[in-house]
C-alpha atoms as a PDB file:
ATOM      1  CA  MET A   1     183.166  98.510 103.697  1.00  0.00           C
ATOM      2  CA  ALA A   2     181.887  94.866 104.280  1.00  0.00           C
ATOM      3  CA  ALA A   3     178.287  94.103 103.512  1.00  0.00           C
ATOM      4  CA  LEU A   4     176.426  91.555 106.066  1.00  0.00           C
ATOM      5  CA  ALA A   5     176.766  88.648 103.007  1.00  0.00           C
ATOM      6  CA  ASP A   6     180.616  89.276 103.173  1.00  0.00           C
ATOM      7  CA  VAL A   7     180.675  89.138 107.044  1.00  0.00           C
ATOM      8  CA  ARG A   8     178.431  86.087 107.104  1.00  0.00           C
ATOM      9  CA  ALA A   9     180.716  84.444 104.439  1.00  0.00           C
ATOM     10  CA  ARG A  10     183.638  85.311 106.914  1.00  0.00           C
ATOM     11  CA  VAL A  11     181.924  83.608 109.876  1.00  0.00           C
ATOM     12  CA  ARG A  12     181.142  80.576 108.359  1.00  0.00           C
ATOM     13  CA  LEU A  13     184.819  80.522 106.739  1.00  0.00           C
ATOM     14  CA  ARG A  14     185.874  80.259 110.712  1.00  0.00           C
ATOM     15  CA  LEU A  15     183.321  77.776 111.589  1.00  0.00           C
ATOM     16  CA  GLU A  16     184.314  75.629 108.783  1.00  0.00           C
ATOM     17  CA  GLU A  17     180.827  75.091 107.300  1.00  0.00           C
ATOM     18  CA  ALA A  18     180.741  75.899 103.669  1.00  0.00           C
ATOM     19  CA  SER A  19     176.801  76.384 103.452  1.00  0.00           C
ATOM     20  CA  GLU A  20     173.874  76.004 105.561  1.00  0.00           C
ATOM     21  CA  GLY A  21     174.071  72.826 107.451  1.00  0.00           C
ATOM     22  CA  VAL A  22     174.587  73.591 110.819  1.00  0.00           C
ATOM     23  CA  TRP A  23     173.836  77.533 111.010  1.00  0.00           C
ATOM     24  CA  SER A  24     171.504  79.095 109.059  1.00  0.00           C
ATOM     25  CA  ASP A  25     172.109  82.486 107.325  1.00  0.00           C
ATOM     26  CA  ASP A  26     169.417  83.594 110.046  1.00  0.00           C
ATOM     27  CA  ASP A  27     171.157  82.594 112.589  1.00  0.00           C
ATOM     28  CA  LEU A  28     174.743  83.796 111.714  1.00  0.00           C
ATOM     29  CA  ASP A  29     173.067  87.273 111.004  1.00  0.00           C
ATOM     30  CA  GLU A  30     171.483  87.060 114.678  1.00  0.00           C
ATOM     31  CA  GLY A  31     175.044  86.640 116.054  1.00  0.00           C
ATOM     32  CA  ILE A  32     176.943  89.198 113.601  1.00  0.00           C
ATOM     33  CA  THR A  33     173.752  91.603 114.687  1.00  0.00           C
ATOM     34  CA  ALA A  34     174.487  90.989 118.475  1.00  0.00           C
ATOM     35  CA  THR A  35     178.376  91.673 117.708  1.00  0.00           C
ATOM     36  CA  LEU A  36     177.175  95.135 115.949  1.00  0.00           C
ATOM     37  CA  GLU A  37     175.152  95.994 119.138  1.00  0.00           C
ATOM     38  CA  LEU A  38     178.187  95.944 121.577  1.00  0.00           C
ATOM     39  CA  TYR A  39     180.497  97.282 119.212  1.00  0.00           C
ATOM     40  CA  ASN A  40     177.926 100.389 118.869  1.00  0.00           C
ATOM     41  CA  GLU A  41     177.895 100.545 122.876  1.00  0.00           C
ATOM     42  CA  ARG A  42     181.651 100.648 122.714  1.00  0.00           C
ATOM     43  CA  PHE A  43     182.248 102.390 119.605  1.00  0.00           C
ATOM     44  CA  PRO A  44     179.269 104.968 118.340  1.00  0.00           C
ATOM     45  CA  LEU A  45     179.183 106.418 114.967  1.00  0.00           C
ATOM     46  CA  GLU A  46     179.613 110.525 114.948  1.00  0.00           C
ATOM     47  CA  ALA A  47     177.382 112.340 113.036  1.00  0.00           C
ATOM     48  CA  THR A  48     175.971 115.582 112.117  1.00  0.00           C
ATOM     49  CA  ALA A  49     172.727 116.793 111.092  1.00  0.00           C
ATOM     50  CA  SER A  50     170.647 119.747 110.204  1.00  0.00           C
ATOM     51  CA  ALA A  51     167.348 120.606 111.802  1.00  0.00           C
ATOM     52  CA  ALA A  52     165.083 123.409 110.906  1.00  0.00           C
ATOM     53  CA  ILE A  53     163.694 125.529 113.743  1.00  0.00           C
ATOM     54  CA  GLY A  54     160.654 128.023 113.419  1.00  0.00           C
ATOM     55  CA  ALA A  55     160.363 131.699 114.682  1.00  0.00           C
ATOM     56  CA  ASN A  56     159.921 131.594 118.376  1.00  0.00           C
ATOM     57  CA  GLY A  57     160.372 127.817 118.507  1.00  0.00           C
ATOM     58  CA  THR A  58     161.362 125.874 121.857  1.00  0.00           C
ATOM     59  CA  ASN A  59     162.541 122.363 120.638  1.00  0.00           C
ATOM     60  CA  VAL A  60     163.101 120.555 117.576  1.00  0.00           C
ATOM     61  CA  ALA A  61     163.134 116.407 117.243  1.00  0.00           C
ATOM     62  CA  MET A  62     166.440 114.866 117.376  1.00  0.00           C
ATOM     63  CA  PRO A  63     168.176 113.079 114.509  1.00  0.00           C
ATOM     64  CA  VAL A  64     166.626 110.063 113.439  1.00  0.00           C
ATOM     65  CA  ASN A  65     168.471 106.840 115.390  1.00  0.00           C
ATOM     66  CA  ALA A  66     170.484 109.287 117.413  1.00  0.00           C
ATOM     67  CA  ARG A  67     171.698 107.818 120.460  1.00  0.00           C
ATOM     68  CA  SER A  68     172.584 111.135 122.456  1.00  0.00           C
ATOM     69  CA  VAL A  69     173.371 114.575 121.297  1.00  0.00           C
ATOM     70  CA  VAL A  70     177.034 115.965 121.670  1.00  0.00           C
ATOM     71  CA  ARG A  71     176.490 119.765 120.706  1.00  0.00           C
ATOM     72  CA  VAL A  72     174.220 121.959 119.069  1.00  0.00           C
ATOM     73  CA  SER A  73     174.999 125.202 117.104  1.00  0.00           C
ATOM     74  CA  LEU A  74     172.977 127.822 115.783  1.00  0.00           C
ATOM     75  CA  GLU A  75     172.889 128.814 112.269  1.00  0.00           C
ATOM     76  CA  ASN A  76     175.840 131.960 112.868  1.00  0.00           C
ATOM     77  CA  GLY A  77     178.139 129.616 114.471  1.00  0.00           C
ATOM     78  CA  PHE A  78     177.268 130.361 118.015  1.00  0.00           C
ATOM     79  CA  VAL A  79     177.500 126.770 120.078  1.00  0.00           C
ATOM     80  CA  VAL A  80     174.529 126.533 122.356  1.00  0.00           C
ATOM     81  CA  PRO A  81     175.719 125.256 125.533  1.00  0.00           C
ATOM     82  CA  LYS A  82     173.814 122.106 127.170  1.00  0.00           C
ATOM     83  CA  ARG A  83     171.870 122.850 130.121  1.00  0.00           C
ATOM     84  CA  ALA A  84     173.096 122.325 133.762  1.00  0.00           C
ATOM     85  CA  ALA A  85     170.601 121.592 136.320  1.00  0.00           C
ATOM     86  CA  PRO A  86     168.306 124.413 137.398  1.00  0.00           C
ATOM     87  CA  VAL A  87     168.729 126.583 140.157  1.00  0.00           C
ATOM     88  CA  GLU A  88     165.713 128.343 141.689  1.00  0.00           C
ATOM     89  CA  ARG A  89     163.721 130.040 138.648  1.00  0.00           C
ATOM     90  CA  THR A  90     164.155 128.946 134.884  1.00  0.00           C
ATOM     91  CA  ALA A  91     162.504 132.147 133.470  1.00  0.00           C
ATOM     92  CA  ASP A  92     166.183 133.939 133.357  1.00  0.00           C
ATOM     93  CA  GLU A  93     168.066 131.135 132.348  1.00  0.00           C
ATOM     94  CA  ARG A  94     170.517 131.717 129.399  1.00  0.00           C
ATOM     95  CA  LEU A  95     170.102 129.860 126.549  1.00  0.00           C
ATOM     96  CA  ALA A  96     170.565 126.398 126.589  1.00  0.00           C
ATOM     97  CA  TRP A  97     169.739 122.745 125.505  1.00  0.00           C
ATOM     98  CA  GLU A  98     168.640 119.510 126.800  1.00  0.00           C
ATOM     99  CA  THR A  99     167.129 116.182 125.381  1.00  0.00           C
ATOM    100  CA  PHE A 100     164.010 114.505 126.385  1.00  0.00           C
ATOM    101  CA  ALA A 101     161.488 111.870 124.969  1.00  0.00           C
ATOM    102  CA  GLY A 102     163.406 111.824 121.781  1.00  0.00           C
ATOM    103  CA  THR A 103     163.235 116.074 121.624  1.00  0.00           C
ATOM    104  CA  ILE A 104     165.566 118.833 121.653  1.00  0.00           C
ATOM    105  CA  TRP A 105     164.533 121.525 124.046  1.00  0.00           C
ATOM    106  CA  PHE A 106     165.887 124.882 124.680  1.00  0.00           C
ATOM    107  CA  THR A 107     165.505 127.486 127.635  1.00  0.00           C
ATOM    108  CA  ARG A 108     164.735 130.080 125.181  1.00  0.00           C
ATOM    109  CA  PRO A 109     162.587 130.490 122.113  1.00  0.00           C
ATOM    110  CA  LEU A 110     165.056 130.873 118.850  1.00  0.00           C
ATOM    111  CA  THR A 111     164.555 132.802 115.935  1.00  0.00           C
ATOM    112  CA  ALA A 112     163.830 130.910 111.853  1.00  0.00           C
ATOM    113  CA  GLN A 113     167.015 129.274 111.297  1.00  0.00           C
ATOM    114  CA  ASN A 114     168.787 125.830 110.743  1.00  0.00           C
ATOM    115  CA  LEU A 115     170.664 124.619 113.650  1.00  0.00           C
ATOM    116  CA  THR A 116     173.269 121.739 113.366  1.00  0.00           C
ATOM    117  CA  ILE A 117     173.194 119.036 115.678  1.00  0.00           C
ATOM    118  CA  TRP A 118     176.535 116.876 116.760  1.00  0.00           C
ATOM    119  CA  HIS A 119     174.965 113.334 117.948  1.00  0.00           C
ATOM    120  CA  LEU A 120     175.876 109.607 118.691  1.00  0.00           C
ATOM    121  CA  THR A 121     174.463 106.938 116.622  1.00  0.00           C
ATOM    122  CA  SER A 122     174.901 103.217 115.567  1.00  0.00           C
ATOM    123  CA  HIS A 123     176.872 102.243 112.654  1.00  0.00           C
ATOM    124  CA  THR A 124     175.443  99.421 110.509  1.00  0.00           C
ATOM    125  CA  VAL A 125     177.284  96.547 108.934  1.00  0.00           C
ATOM    126  CA  THR A 126     178.463  98.610 106.039  1.00  0.00           C
ATOM    127  CA  ASP A 127     179.444 101.783 108.102  1.00  0.00           C
ATOM    128  CA  VAL A 128     181.994  99.768 110.388  1.00  0.00           C
ATOM    129  CA  PRO A 129     185.204 100.413 109.161  1.00  0.00           C
ATOM    130  CA  GLU A 130     187.186  97.773 107.353  1.00  0.00           C
ATOM    131  CA  ALA A 131     189.891  97.432 110.199  1.00  0.00           C
ATOM    132  CA  ASP A 132     187.022  97.021 112.776  1.00  0.00           C
ATOM    133  CA  VAL A 133     185.004  93.985 110.696  1.00  0.00           C
ATOM    134  CA  GLY A 134     187.050  91.362 112.187  1.00  0.00           C
ATOM    135  CA  LEU A 135     185.300  92.238 115.405  1.00  0.00           C
ATOM    136  CA  LEU A 136     182.038  91.395 113.800  1.00  0.00           C
ATOM    137  CA  VAL A 137     183.594  88.247 112.209  1.00  0.00           C
ATOM    138  CA  LEU A 138     184.574  86.847 115.920  1.00  0.00           C
ATOM    139  CA  GLY A 139     181.583  88.158 117.910  1.00  0.00           C
ATOM    140  CA  GLY A 140     179.416  86.143 115.169  1.00  0.00           C
ATOM    141  CA  VAL A 141     181.615  83.321 115.587  1.00  0.00           C
ATOM    142  CA  TRP A 142     181.404  83.367 119.418  1.00  0.00           C
ATOM    143  CA  LYS A 143     177.400  84.407 119.353  1.00  0.00           C
ATOM    144  CA  ALA A 144     176.890  81.411 116.529  1.00  0.00           C
ATOM    145  CA  LEU A 145     178.788  78.697 118.983  1.00  0.00           C
ATOM    146  CA  GLU A 146     176.993  80.394 122.321  1.00  0.00           C
ATOM    147  CA  GLN A 147     173.690  79.542 120.230  1.00  0.00           C
ATOM    148  CA  ARG A 148     174.319  76.168 119.309  1.00  0.00           C
ATOM    149  CA  SER A 149     175.401  75.347 122.528  1.00  0.00           C
ATOM    150  CA  VAL A 150     171.956  76.406 124.251  1.00  0.00           C
ATOM    151  CA  GLN A 151     170.424  74.138 121.308  1.00  0.00           C
ATOM    152  CA  GLU A 152     172.446  71.006 122.350  1.00  0.00           C
ATOM    153  CA  LEU A 153     171.992  71.817 126.239  1.00  0.00           C
ATOM    154  CA  LYS A 154     167.980  71.907 125.568  1.00  0.00           C
ATOM    155  CA  ARG A 155     168.021  68.613 123.734  1.00  0.00           C
ATOM    156  CA  SER A 156     170.885  66.307 125.292  1.00  0.00           C
ATOM    157  CA  GLY A 157     171.131  67.668 129.307  1.00  0.00           C
ATOM    158  CA  PRO A 158     174.211  69.564 131.158  1.00  0.00           C
ATOM    159  CA  VAL A 159     176.953  66.765 129.880  1.00  0.00           C
ATOM    160  CA  ALA A 160     176.489  67.632 125.821  1.00  0.00           C
ATOM    161  CA  GLY A 161     176.681  71.530 127.053  1.00  0.00           C
ATOM    162  CA  THR A 162     179.827  70.994 129.446  1.00  0.00           C
ATOM    163  CA  ALA A 163     181.621  69.659 125.980  1.00  0.00           C
ATOM    164  CA  SER A 164     180.770  72.767 124.052  1.00  0.00           C
ATOM    165  CA  ALA A 165     181.164  75.375 127.187  1.00  0.00           C
ATOM    166  CA  PHE A 166     184.739  75.385 126.227  1.00  0.00           C
ATOM    167  CA  VAL A 167     184.625  76.313 123.028  1.00  0.00           C
ATOM    168  CA  VAL A 168     182.584  78.825 123.249  1.00  0.00           C
ATOM    169  CA  ARG A 169     184.710  80.118 126.330  1.00  0.00           C
ATOM    170  CA  ARG A 170     187.599  79.956 123.788  1.00  0.00           C
ATOM    171  CA  ALA A 171     185.374  82.216 121.266  1.00  0.00           C
ATOM    172  CA  ARG A 172     184.324  84.762 123.632  1.00  0.00           C
ATOM    173  CA  GLU A 173     187.746  85.357 124.958  1.00  0.00           C
ATOM    174  CA  GLU A 174     189.345  85.877 121.438  1.00  0.00           C
ATOM    175  CA  PHE A 175     186.664  88.058 120.846  1.00  0.00           C
ATOM    176  CA  GLU A 176     186.886  90.039 124.030  1.00  0.00           C
ATOM    177  CA  ARG A 177     190.884  90.155 123.194  1.00  0.00           C
ATOM    178  CA  ALA A 178     190.556  91.605 120.068  1.00  0.00           C
ATOM    179  CA  PHE A 179     188.012  93.979 121.412  1.00  0.00           C
ATOM    180  CA  GLY A 180     189.777  95.439 123.983  1.00  0.00           C
ATOM    181  CA  GLN A 181     192.975  95.570 121.671  1.00  0.00           C
ATOM    182  CA  ARG A 182     190.753  98.165 119.328  1.00  0.00           C
ATOM    183  CA  GLN A 183     189.846  99.993 122.051  1.00  0.00           C
ATOM    184  CA  ARG A 184     193.574 100.738 122.943  1.00  0.00           C
ATOM    185  CA  ARG A 185     193.982 101.350 119.240  1.00  0.00           C
ATOM    186  CA  VAL A 186     196.339 104.927 119.358  1.00  0.00           C
ATOM    187  CA  ARG A 187     195.259 107.002 116.291  1.00  0.00           C
ATOM    188  CA  THR A 188     198.121 109.639 115.396  1.00  0.00           C
ATOM    189  CA  MET A 189     197.737 112.517 112.817  1.00  0.00           C
ATOM    190  CA  MET A 190     200.354 114.944 111.739  1.00  0.00           C
ATOM    191  CA  VAL A 191     200.382 118.656 111.600  1.00  0.00           C
ATOM    192  CA  ALA A 192     201.989 120.473 109.178  1.00  0.00           C
ATOM    193  CA  ARG A 193     203.810 123.707 110.026  1.00  0.00           C
ATOM    194  CA  GLU A 194     203.185 126.584 107.832  1.00  0.00           C
END
């Protein structure tokens, strides 16, 4: 697991800048963070959380930083299905759940218990698997070059921007190629027979 400082150092190495000259730490951190957002859109972190619900409770708050809820199960192991679109009356609906405004709502009151909530959340830099840290580095390089290109365009006009556009495009293509390969990576698992 890499820390932000480690990823930043690797980005600096790729940009061939030993210390803050052209890019400040904040500039590079912004590029790494932007790449992490792209990574989280495609490969969110899977997590579980527990939530206590009181007697006759009909809702619980979604876990902190949850992007979406995948499954909710009761204390006895029963998996509550996700609610489909209601048809006619909702008074005789079976137990189901749906999310709205950061809250998980149930169609029927529950008894007091602890629920298990499976959800998708965002990675932090330290949560990203070691095999994917290189994606953050490539994306950080691309975003840093892109940011610098915009600054040059503001100062010198379209002529300077055209010269750096090629470098930015190449960095973006390198990132997108690696990102696409990550998407196609196959994970295998052996199952032992007893």
